[in-house]
Amino acid sequence: MTEALFESTISSLPLLGRGKVRDIYAIDADKLLIVTSDRISAFDVVLPDPVPGKGRLLTRLASFWFERLAGIIPNQLTGIDPETVVAADERQQVRGRALVVKRLRPLPIEAVVRGYLIGSGWQDYQATGSVCGILLPKGLRLASRLPQPLFTPATKAAIGNHDENISFERAQAECATALADLLTATGKSAEVVAGQARDAAVALYATAAQHAAARGIIIADSKFEFGLDESGTLHLIDEVLTPDSSRFWPADAYCEGSNPPSFDKQYVRDYLETLDWNKRAPGPRLPASVLAGTYAKYAEACERLTGERVPA
């Protein structure tokens, strides 16, 4: 596998912050540089071993989706080559794994859309018969296809903490609090913005799921993030429909009532579940076989969805 980038070191631009996977740098008042590292997280903990090449795969797949879904909602892309905004000796760090994006005001929620009953949605359903306050039919099973895709927002937790499923009303309240100044300046309401995010997320999911189905992949669920520009226009930001933000299942292995194999971080999660680990930082080391297997899963998903061979 290629050499891994656990953490970028771009000294020619101010570092604004590091997320679980992405490092964010300021270019100017209007643009940011987002570098996608090879870090991997599980159970909201960043693990000590990166997956070599993972960041390039994520950037390749996200760029594919940004272009394919541009007719649904504007996105963060500027079209500027990342290598032109860093010093010459830093270009290797951004090559194939970075994007120059618009500076936008992020919504304070994760816009999650579920097409199937799995993960925390399944846990909620077992306990309450609902997901995020949405009552579902009785008798659904693990991995059941839902009658229609559900918008189930969540809070954005700090690194090391867990996201919390919330109601749509709570999502509106979170937007009202976090975006109060921008909403006032643009004449928008939190209800309108949250509604736009919900509608866009469902449309993005439905379009992507149809594309994926034709290529033998079920998108069980996916997380979208949105931001507002200074005029209050909603944009798709961050990443989109990658194995880090989505649950991809091979259609030929799907069976209602069981947890299907997947082309995402579930491969790592399944390994971690075999360990005596309390799911708190620091995370355990990953064997080389798990790192290689994870990359292979991500690469297969990327190739199936884009129709293009991933360079070795």
Protein backbone atom coordinates (compact mmCIF):
# COMPACT_ATOMS: atom_id res chain seq x y z
CA MET A 1 0.00 0.00 0.00
CA THR A 2 1.03 3.64 -0.43
CA GLU A 3 2.60 5.70 2.33
CA ALA A 4 -0.01 6.92 4.79
CA LEU A 5 -0.74 10.51 5.82
CA PHE A 6 -1.91 10.51 9.42
CA GLU A 7 -1.75 14.29 9.80
CA SER A 8 -1.01 17.02 7.30
CA THR A 9 1.58 19.71 8.05
CA ILE A 10 0.79 22.64 5.77
CA SER A 11 2.78 25.54 7.18
CA SER A 12 2.07 27.95 4.31
CA LEU A 13 -1.58 28.30 5.43
CA PRO A 14 -3.13 28.85 8.88
CA LEU A 15 -4.53 25.66 10.40
CA LEU A 16 -8.12 26.16 11.55
CA GLY A 17 -8.72 22.73 13.00
CA ARG A 18 -8.57 18.98 12.67
CA GLY A 19 -11.59 16.70 12.58
CA LYS A 20 -11.67 12.94 12.86
CA VAL A 21 -10.37 12.63 9.30
CA ARG A 22 -10.01 16.10 7.75
CA ASP A 23 -7.57 18.95 8.39
CA ILE A 24 -8.90 22.42 7.57
CA TYR A 25 -6.76 25.40 6.56
CA ALA A 26 -7.66 29.00 5.78
CA ILE A 27 -6.79 30.28 2.31
CA ASP A 28 -8.52 33.66 2.49
CA ALA A 29 -11.82 35.18 3.61
CA ASP A 30 -13.77 33.17 1.04
CA LYS A 31 -11.99 29.83 0.70
CA LEU A 32 -10.70 26.90 2.74
CA LEU A 33 -8.36 24.01 2.01
CA ILE A 34 -9.65 20.66 3.27
CA VAL A 35 -7.08 17.86 3.39
CA THR A 36 -8.47 14.35 3.81
CA SER A 37 -6.00 12.32 5.85
CA ASP A 38 -5.78 8.54 6.13
CA ARG A 39 -7.03 8.60 9.72
CA ILE A 40 -9.89 6.29 10.57
CA SER A 41 -12.31 6.52 13.47
CA ALA A 42 -14.63 3.97 15.00
CA PHE A 43 -17.15 4.45 17.80
CA ASP A 44 -16.22 8.16 17.58
CA VAL A 45 -12.59 7.49 18.53
CA VAL A 46 -9.74 8.26 16.12
CA LEU A 47 -7.62 5.12 15.93
CA PRO A 48 -3.80 5.33 16.12
CA ASP A 49 -3.16 3.56 12.81
CA PRO A 50 -4.11 5.20 9.49
CA VAL A 51 -5.32 3.30 6.42
CA PRO A 52 -2.78 4.13 3.67
CA GLY A 53 -4.50 5.66 0.64
CA LYS A 54 -7.90 6.00 2.31
CA GLY A 55 -7.95 9.81 2.05
CA ARG A 56 -7.42 9.73 -1.69
CA LEU A 57 -10.22 7.20 -2.11
CA LEU A 58 -12.60 9.33 -0.06
CA THR A 59 -11.72 12.45 -2.04
CA ARG A 60 -12.13 10.60 -5.35
CA LEU A 61 -15.57 9.27 -4.40
CA ALA A 62 -16.81 12.50 -2.81
CA SER A 63 -15.76 14.48 -5.90
CA PHE A 64 -17.70 12.03 -8.07
CA TRP A 65 -20.85 12.54 -6.00
CA PHE A 66 -20.48 16.33 -5.77
CA GLU A 67 -20.43 16.48 -9.56
CA ARG A 68 -23.23 13.95 -10.06
CA LEU A 69 -25.56 15.57 -7.52
CA ALA A 70 -24.88 19.21 -8.39
CA GLY A 71 -28.29 19.57 -10.00
CA ILE A 72 -30.04 18.96 -6.68
CA ILE A 73 -28.27 21.56 -4.53
CA PRO A 74 -25.23 23.86 -4.81
CA ASN A 75 -22.07 22.51 -3.20
CA GLN A 76 -18.85 23.71 -1.65
CA LEU A 77 -16.52 23.10 -4.62
CA THR A 78 -14.59 25.96 -6.22
CA GLY A 79 -12.76 24.04 -8.96
CA ILE A 80 -9.40 25.43 -7.79
CA ASP A 81 -6.47 23.00 -7.86
CA PRO A 82 -5.29 22.47 -4.26
CA GLU A 83 -1.68 22.29 -5.39
CA THR A 84 -1.86 25.96 -6.43
CA VAL A 85 -2.63 27.24 -2.92
CA VAL A 86 0.22 25.58 -0.97
CA ALA A 87 4.00 25.82 -1.08
CA ALA A 88 5.86 23.70 -3.63
CA ASP A 89 7.22 21.34 -0.97
CA GLU A 90 3.69 20.76 0.38
CA ARG A 91 2.03 19.70 -2.86
CA GLN A 92 2.53 15.99 -2.23
CA GLN A 93 0.44 16.29 0.95
CA VAL A 94 -2.57 17.62 -0.95
CA ARG A 95 -2.23 15.71 -4.23
CA GLY A 96 -5.39 13.68 -4.80
CA ARG A 97 -6.62 14.13 -1.25
CA ALA A 98 -7.57 17.80 -0.86
CA LEU A 99 -10.25 20.22 -2.03
CA VAL A 100 -10.40 23.99 -2.17
CA VAL A 101 -13.89 24.87 -0.98
CA LYS A 102 -16.06 27.87 -0.26
CA ARG A 103 -16.16 29.23 3.28
CA LEU A 104 -19.70 28.48 4.42
CA ARG A 105 -21.50 28.53 7.74
CA PRO A 106 -22.18 24.90 8.68
CA LEU A 107 -25.52 23.81 10.07
CA PRO A 108 -25.11 22.43 13.60
CA ILE A 109 -26.71 19.09 12.74
CA GLU A 110 -25.87 15.86 10.95
CA ALA A 111 -28.48 15.34 8.23
CA VAL A 112 -28.91 11.57 8.35
CA VAL A 113 -31.17 9.72 5.91
CA ARG A 114 -32.05 6.08 6.57
CA GLY A 115 -33.40 3.72 3.95
CA TYR A 116 -32.98 0.62 6.09
CA LEU A 117 -33.35 -0.14 9.79
CA ILE A 118 -29.85 -0.68 11.15
CA GLY A 119 -27.42 0.74 13.71
CA SER A 120 -28.75 3.24 16.22
CA GLY A 121 -32.02 3.39 14.27
CA TRP A 122 -32.59 -0.30 14.95
CA GLN A 123 -31.77 0.23 18.63
CA ASP A 124 -34.26 3.11 18.85
CA TYR A 125 -36.92 1.05 17.09
CA GLN A 126 -36.48 -1.89 19.46
CA ALA A 127 -36.82 0.40 22.46
CA THR A 128 -39.61 2.71 21.29
CA GLY A 129 -41.03 1.55 17.96
CA SER A 130 -39.79 4.86 16.54
CA VAL A 131 -36.65 6.46 15.12
CA CYS A 132 -36.02 10.08 16.08
CA GLY A 133 -39.65 10.35 17.15
CA ILE A 134 -40.98 8.97 13.85
CA LEU A 135 -43.34 6.06 14.54
CA LEU A 136 -42.65 3.04 12.31
CA PRO A 137 -44.80 0.01 11.47
CA LYS A 138 -44.68 -2.91 13.87
CA GLY A 139 -42.87 -6.10 12.97
CA LEU A 140 -39.84 -4.63 11.21
CA ARG A 141 -36.65 -6.66 11.49
CA LEU A 142 -32.95 -5.89 11.58
CA ALA A 143 -31.95 -4.42 8.20
CA SER A 144 -35.58 -4.15 7.03
CA ARG A 145 -36.11 -1.71 4.19
CA LEU A 146 -38.14 1.23 5.46
CA PRO A 147 -41.41 2.18 3.78
CA GLN A 148 -39.72 5.39 2.68
CA PRO A 149 -36.38 7.07 3.42
CA LEU A 150 -36.41 8.81 6.81
CA PHE A 151 -34.70 12.06 7.70
CA THR A 152 -33.30 11.44 11.17
CA PRO A 153 -31.06 14.32 12.27
CA ALA A 154 -28.36 14.04 14.89
CA THR A 155 -26.22 16.38 16.93
CA LYS A 156 -22.61 16.99 15.95
CA ALA A 157 -20.60 15.57 18.82
CA ALA A 158 -17.06 16.60 19.66
CA ILE A 159 -14.32 14.08 18.89
CA GLY A 160 -14.55 11.23 21.38
CA ASN A 161 -18.23 11.80 22.10
CA HIS A 162 -21.18 10.14 20.42
CA ASP A 163 -23.66 11.83 18.10
CA GLU A 164 -27.20 11.91 19.50
CA ASN A 165 -30.28 11.20 17.40
CA ILE A 166 -32.72 14.10 17.73
CA SER A 167 -36.18 15.06 16.53
CA PHE A 168 -36.77 17.41 13.62
CA GLU A 169 -38.09 19.99 16.08
CA ARG A 170 -34.85 19.78 18.04
CA ALA A 171 -32.90 20.17 14.79
CA GLN A 172 -34.83 23.38 14.07
CA ALA A 173 -34.02 24.66 17.55
CA GLU A 174 -30.32 23.85 17.14
CA CYS A 175 -30.24 25.79 13.86
CA ALA A 176 -32.07 28.73 15.44
CA THR A 177 -29.47 28.98 18.21
CA ALA A 178 -26.29 28.39 16.20
CA LEU A 179 -27.26 30.48 13.16
CA ALA A 180 -29.18 33.29 14.84
CA ASP A 181 -27.08 36.15 13.45
CA LEU A 182 -27.00 34.83 9.88
CA LEU A 183 -30.71 34.02 9.89
CA THR A 184 -31.51 37.53 11.04
CA ALA A 185 -29.25 39.07 8.39
CA THR A 186 -30.73 37.00 5.56
CA GLY A 187 -34.35 37.02 6.68
CA LYS A 188 -34.44 33.23 6.82
CA SER A 189 -35.98 31.19 9.61
CA ALA A 190 -34.55 28.11 11.27
CA GLU A 191 -37.68 26.23 10.27
CA VAL A 192 -37.11 27.02 6.59
CA VAL A 193 -33.40 26.17 6.69
CA ALA A 194 -33.94 22.88 8.53
CA GLY A 195 -36.73 22.02 6.11
CA GLN A 196 -34.48 22.74 3.13
CA ALA A 197 -31.77 20.52 4.63
CA ARG A 198 -34.28 17.72 5.19
CA ASP A 199 -35.66 17.90 1.65
CA ALA A 200 -32.21 18.13 0.08
CA ALA A 201 -30.87 15.22 2.13
CA VAL A 202 -33.74 12.94 1.16
CA ALA A 203 -33.41 13.91 -2.52
CA LEU A 204 -29.65 13.32 -2.46
CA TYR A 205 -30.10 9.94 -0.80
CA ALA A 206 -32.82 8.82 -3.21
CA THR A 207 -30.81 9.79 -6.30
CA ALA A 208 -27.62 8.19 -5.00
CA ALA A 209 -29.42 5.03 -3.88
CA GLN A 210 -30.85 4.55 -7.38
CA HIS A 211 -27.40 4.96 -8.94
CA ALA A 212 -25.83 2.57 -6.43
CA ALA A 213 -28.55 -0.06 -6.86
CA ALA A 214 -27.72 -0.31 -10.56
CA ARG A 215 -24.16 -1.15 -9.50
CA GLY A 216 -25.01 -3.80 -6.95
CA ILE A 217 -24.76 -1.63 -3.85
CA ILE A 218 -27.45 -0.82 -1.30
CA ILE A 219 -26.98 2.49 0.50
CA ALA A 220 -28.54 1.64 3.85
CA ASP A 221 -28.09 5.13 5.26
CA SER A 222 -25.94 8.21 4.83
CA LYS A 223 -24.96 11.38 6.63
CA PHE A 224 -24.99 14.72 4.84
CA GLU A 225 -23.75 18.10 6.02
CA PHE A 226 -24.93 21.49 4.85
CA GLY A 227 -23.78 25.08 5.12
CA LEU A 228 -25.12 28.53 4.31
CA ASP A 229 -23.45 31.28 2.33
CA GLU A 230 -23.78 34.93 3.29
CA SER A 231 -27.08 35.21 1.39
CA GLY A 232 -28.55 32.23 3.23
CA THR A 233 -28.35 29.78 0.30
CA LEU A 234 -27.97 26.17 1.39
CA HIS A 235 -24.94 24.22 0.11
CA LEU A 236 -23.80 20.62 0.38
CA ILE A 237 -20.48 20.58 2.26
CA ASP A 238 -17.86 18.36 3.92
CA GLU A 239 -17.92 14.88 2.36
CA VAL A 240 -20.73 13.09 0.59
CA LEU A 241 -21.69 9.43 0.24
CA THR A 242 -18.33 7.90 1.15
CA PRO A 243 -17.74 4.73 3.19
CA ASP A 244 -16.95 7.02 6.13
CA SER A 245 -20.34 8.74 6.02
CA SER A 246 -22.54 5.96 4.64
CA ARG A 247 -23.41 2.31 5.07
CA PHE A 248 -22.85 0.45 1.79
CA TRP A 249 -24.04 -3.15 1.48
CA PRO A 250 -23.44 -5.57 -1.43
CA ALA A 251 -26.92 -6.23 -2.79
CA ASP A 252 -26.21 -9.90 -3.45
CA ALA A 253 -25.41 -10.48 0.25
CA TYR A 254 -28.40 -8.62 1.68
CA CYS A 255 -30.80 -10.63 3.83
CA GLU A 256 -33.46 -9.07 6.02
CA GLY A 257 -33.03 -10.09 9.64
CA SER A 258 -29.23 -10.17 9.61
CA ASN A 259 -26.50 -7.56 9.59
CA PRO A 260 -25.16 -7.55 6.01
CA PRO A 261 -21.44 -7.30 5.20
CA SER A 262 -20.48 -3.81 4.14
CA PHE A 263 -18.05 -1.66 2.16
CA ASP A 264 -17.42 0.73 5.01
CA LYS A 265 -15.98 1.04 8.51
CA GLN A 266 -18.00 -1.93 9.72
CA TYR A 267 -14.99 -4.09 8.82
CA VAL A 268 -12.97 -2.20 11.44
CA ARG A 269 -15.83 -2.12 13.94
CA ASP A 270 -16.27 -5.87 13.68
CA TYR A 271 -12.58 -6.39 14.48
CA LEU A 272 -12.73 -3.97 17.41
CA GLU A 273 -15.74 -5.79 18.83
CA THR A 274 -13.52 -8.85 19.32
CA LEU A 275 -11.21 -6.90 21.64
CA ASP A 276 -11.45 -6.05 25.31
CA TRP A 277 -11.77 -2.32 24.66
CA ASN A 278 -14.17 0.14 26.33
CA LYS A 279 -14.65 2.18 23.12
CA ARG A 280 -12.96 5.21 24.63
CA ALA A 281 -9.72 6.93 23.63
CA PRO A 282 -7.03 5.87 23.16
CA GLY A 283 -8.07 3.34 20.57
CA PRO A 284 -6.24 0.05 20.01
CA ARG A 285 -3.68 -0.55 17.28
CA LEU A 286 -4.92 -2.17 14.07
CA PRO A 287 -3.12 -5.14 12.50
CA ALA A 288 -1.78 -4.76 8.98
CA SER A 289 -4.35 -7.28 7.75
CA VAL A 290 -7.23 -5.15 9.03
CA LEU A 291 -5.75 -2.02 7.46
CA ALA A 292 -5.34 -3.79 4.11
CA GLY A 293 -8.81 -5.31 4.31
CA THR A 294 -10.35 -1.93 5.08
CA TYR A 295 -8.64 -0.31 2.10
CA ALA A 296 -9.84 -3.12 -0.14
CA LYS A 297 -13.44 -2.59 0.99
CA TYR A 298 -13.23 1.17 0.35
CA ALA A 299 -11.57 0.65 -3.03
CA GLU A 300 -14.22 -1.83 -4.20
CA ALA A 301 -17.01 0.58 -3.23
CA CYS A 302 -15.27 3.43 -5.06
CA GLU A 303 -14.76 1.37 -8.21
CA ARG A 304 -18.32 0.04 -8.28
CA LEU A 305 -19.91 3.45 -7.72
CA THR A 306 -17.71 5.52 -10.05
CA GLY A 307 -17.19 2.84 -12.69
CA GLU A 308 -13.50 3.73 -12.73
CA ARG A 309 -10.53 1.62 -11.73
CA VAL A 310 -8.71 2.83 -8.61
CA PRO A 311 -4.99 3.22 -9.38
CA ALA A 312 -2.82 0.75 -7.47
